[in-house]
Amino acid sequence: MFLAFFLSAASASAECWVVKDMKGVNSASHGDYNFEKDGFSGTFRISADGDKASITYSGSDAGGLSYGQILPNTIIGLSNNENGQVVETWNIGKNGIVKMTKVISGFGDFDSVKAMVGKVASEC
C-alpha cells in the first residue's frame, strides 16, 4: 500500500537513461561492516514509467527486485521474502548525476548497505 501511494504520484511520462561510472562505498556483514570502496564496471539501463519501472545491469536483471517510479526521476526497488528484505533507491538529477542506495537485510553475510554516485551516459 505504501508503494502504491507513491507510484500513483509519479510522473505519467516515460523516461529512460543509460548510467555508467557508478562508484561509492559499501559496508557488509562479511567485512564486519567496515566501509570499503565499491563500484560497477558495466552500465545500468533505468526505465521510469510509473509502476512499470525497470533497471537492468549490462543487459541482465539487476537483482530480482520489483521497481516503481515514486517521484519524477526517482525509482525504488523492493524485495521481501522469508529470508529478508532488499530496498534500493535511484535518483537521476537534472545535472545528470545519478545517486543510488541499497540496503540488504536478512541474508547473513550478504547483509549490507551501499551508497554510489554515477552519471547519465545517454538517454535510451
Protein backbone atom coordinates (compact mmCIF):
# COMPACT_ATOMS: atom_id res chain seq x y z
CA MET A 1 0.00 0.00 0.00
CA PHE A 2 2.86 2.36 0.84
CA LEU A 3 4.43 1.83 -2.58
CA ALA A 4 1.07 2.11 -4.36
CA PHE A 5 0.56 5.58 -2.89
CA PHE A 6 3.88 6.83 -4.21
CA LEU A 7 3.51 5.13 -7.58
CA SER A 8 0.27 7.00 -8.13
CA ALA A 9 2.12 10.27 -7.52
CA ALA A 10 4.83 9.58 -10.12
CA SER A 11 5.08 11.34 -13.43
CA ALA A 12 3.00 9.89 -16.25
CA SER A 13 5.70 10.39 -18.89
CA ALA A 14 8.16 7.57 -19.51
CA GLU A 15 11.87 8.29 -19.35
CA CYS A 16 14.94 6.12 -19.82
CA TRP A 17 18.62 6.59 -19.05
CA VAL A 18 21.87 4.68 -19.58
CA VAL A 19 24.04 5.13 -16.48
CA LYS A 20 27.76 4.48 -16.10
CA ASP A 21 30.66 5.03 -13.70
CA MET A 22 28.76 4.01 -10.56
CA LYS A 23 31.24 4.33 -7.70
CA GLY A 24 30.91 4.63 -3.95
CA VAL A 25 31.13 2.62 -0.76
CA ASN A 26 29.62 -0.48 0.81
CA SER A 27 29.52 -1.85 4.32
CA ALA A 28 28.80 -5.59 4.58
CA SER A 29 28.38 -8.19 7.28
CA HIS A 30 31.17 -10.35 5.84
CA GLY A 31 33.57 -7.40 6.29
CA ASP A 32 32.49 -6.60 9.87
CA TYR A 33 30.57 -3.62 8.46
CA ASN A 34 33.74 -1.67 7.67
CA PHE A 35 33.23 0.71 4.76
CA GLU A 36 35.06 -0.19 1.55
CA LYS A 37 35.24 1.37 -1.90
CA ASP A 38 32.89 -0.26 -4.39
CA GLY A 39 31.68 0.26 -7.93
CA PHE A 40 30.25 -1.23 -11.11
CA SER A 41 32.22 -1.50 -14.36
CA GLY A 42 29.14 -2.06 -16.55
CA THR A 43 26.19 0.15 -17.43
CA PHE A 44 22.70 0.35 -15.98
CA ARG A 45 19.56 0.96 -18.05
CA ILE A 46 16.96 2.73 -15.93
CA SER A 47 13.43 3.00 -17.30
CA ALA A 48 10.93 5.12 -15.36
CA ASP A 49 7.29 4.68 -16.30
CA GLY A 50 5.22 4.65 -13.11
CA ASP A 51 4.70 1.11 -11.82
CA LYS A 52 6.39 -0.28 -14.95
CA ALA A 53 9.85 0.96 -13.95
CA SER A 54 12.80 -1.36 -14.56
CA ILE A 55 16.54 -1.50 -14.06
CA THR A 56 18.96 -3.78 -15.88
CA TYR A 57 22.72 -4.10 -15.45
CA SER A 58 24.72 -4.70 -18.63
CA GLY A 59 21.61 -6.26 -20.17
CA SER A 60 20.64 -8.52 -17.26
CA ASP A 61 18.08 -8.25 -14.48
CA ALA A 62 19.65 -6.06 -11.82
CA GLY A 63 18.74 -8.24 -8.85
CA GLY A 64 15.19 -9.62 -8.81
CA LEU A 65 13.59 -6.53 -7.30
CA SER A 66 10.19 -5.05 -8.13
CA TYR A 67 10.73 -1.46 -9.28
CA GLY A 68 8.40 1.51 -9.29
CA GLN A 69 8.73 5.21 -10.02
CA ILE A 70 7.85 7.08 -6.82
CA LEU A 71 8.64 10.63 -7.97
CA PRO A 72 9.85 12.16 -11.23
CA ASN A 73 13.40 10.83 -11.79
CA THR A 74 13.22 8.65 -8.65
CA ILE A 75 12.87 4.85 -8.64
CA ILE A 76 12.57 2.46 -5.72
CA GLY A 77 13.17 -1.29 -5.85
CA LEU A 78 11.80 -3.68 -3.25
CA SER A 79 12.12 -7.38 -2.46
CA ASN A 80 10.68 -9.17 0.55
CA ASN A 81 10.70 -12.91 1.21
CA GLU A 82 11.02 -15.35 4.11
CA ASN A 83 14.78 -14.72 4.32
CA GLY A 84 14.94 -10.94 4.28
CA GLN A 85 14.40 -7.66 2.51
CA VAL A 86 16.13 -5.50 -0.07
CA VAL A 87 15.41 -1.79 -0.59
CA GLU A 88 17.10 0.11 -3.42
CA THR A 89 16.67 3.78 -4.40
CA TRP A 90 17.79 5.60 -7.53
CA ASN A 91 17.62 9.33 -8.29
CA ILE A 92 18.59 10.91 -11.61
CA GLY A 93 19.44 14.58 -11.06
CA LYS A 94 18.75 17.29 -13.62
CA ASN A 95 22.53 17.71 -13.86
CA GLY A 96 22.93 14.07 -14.99
CA ILE A 97 24.32 12.86 -11.66
CA VAL A 98 22.80 9.56 -10.52
CA LYS A 99 22.57 8.61 -6.83
CA MET A 100 21.88 5.04 -5.63
CA THR A 101 21.42 3.48 -2.20
CA LYS A 102 20.81 -0.18 -1.37
CA VAL A 103 20.06 -1.99 1.90
CA ILE A 104 20.12 -5.80 2.15
CA SER A 105 18.90 -7.35 5.42
CA GLY A 106 18.25 -10.95 6.49
CA PHE A 107 20.73 -12.70 4.17
CA GLY A 108 23.60 -13.32 6.60
CA ASP A 109 26.99 -12.48 5.09
CA PHE A 110 25.25 -10.61 2.27
CA ASP A 111 23.62 -8.09 4.66
CA SER A 112 24.96 -4.71 3.59
CA VAL A 113 24.43 -1.09 2.69
CA LYS A 114 25.70 0.70 -0.44
CA ALA A 115 25.83 4.33 -1.48
CA MET A 116 27.00 5.16 -5.01
CA VAL A 117 27.13 8.01 -7.48
CA GLY A 118 27.42 7.81 -11.26
CA LYS A 119 26.42 9.74 -14.34
CA VAL A 120 23.95 9.57 -17.19
CA ALA A 121 25.81 8.48 -20.33
CA SER A 122 22.79 8.90 -22.61
CA GLU A 123 19.04 8.63 -22.83
CA CYS A 124 17.59 5.35 -24.12
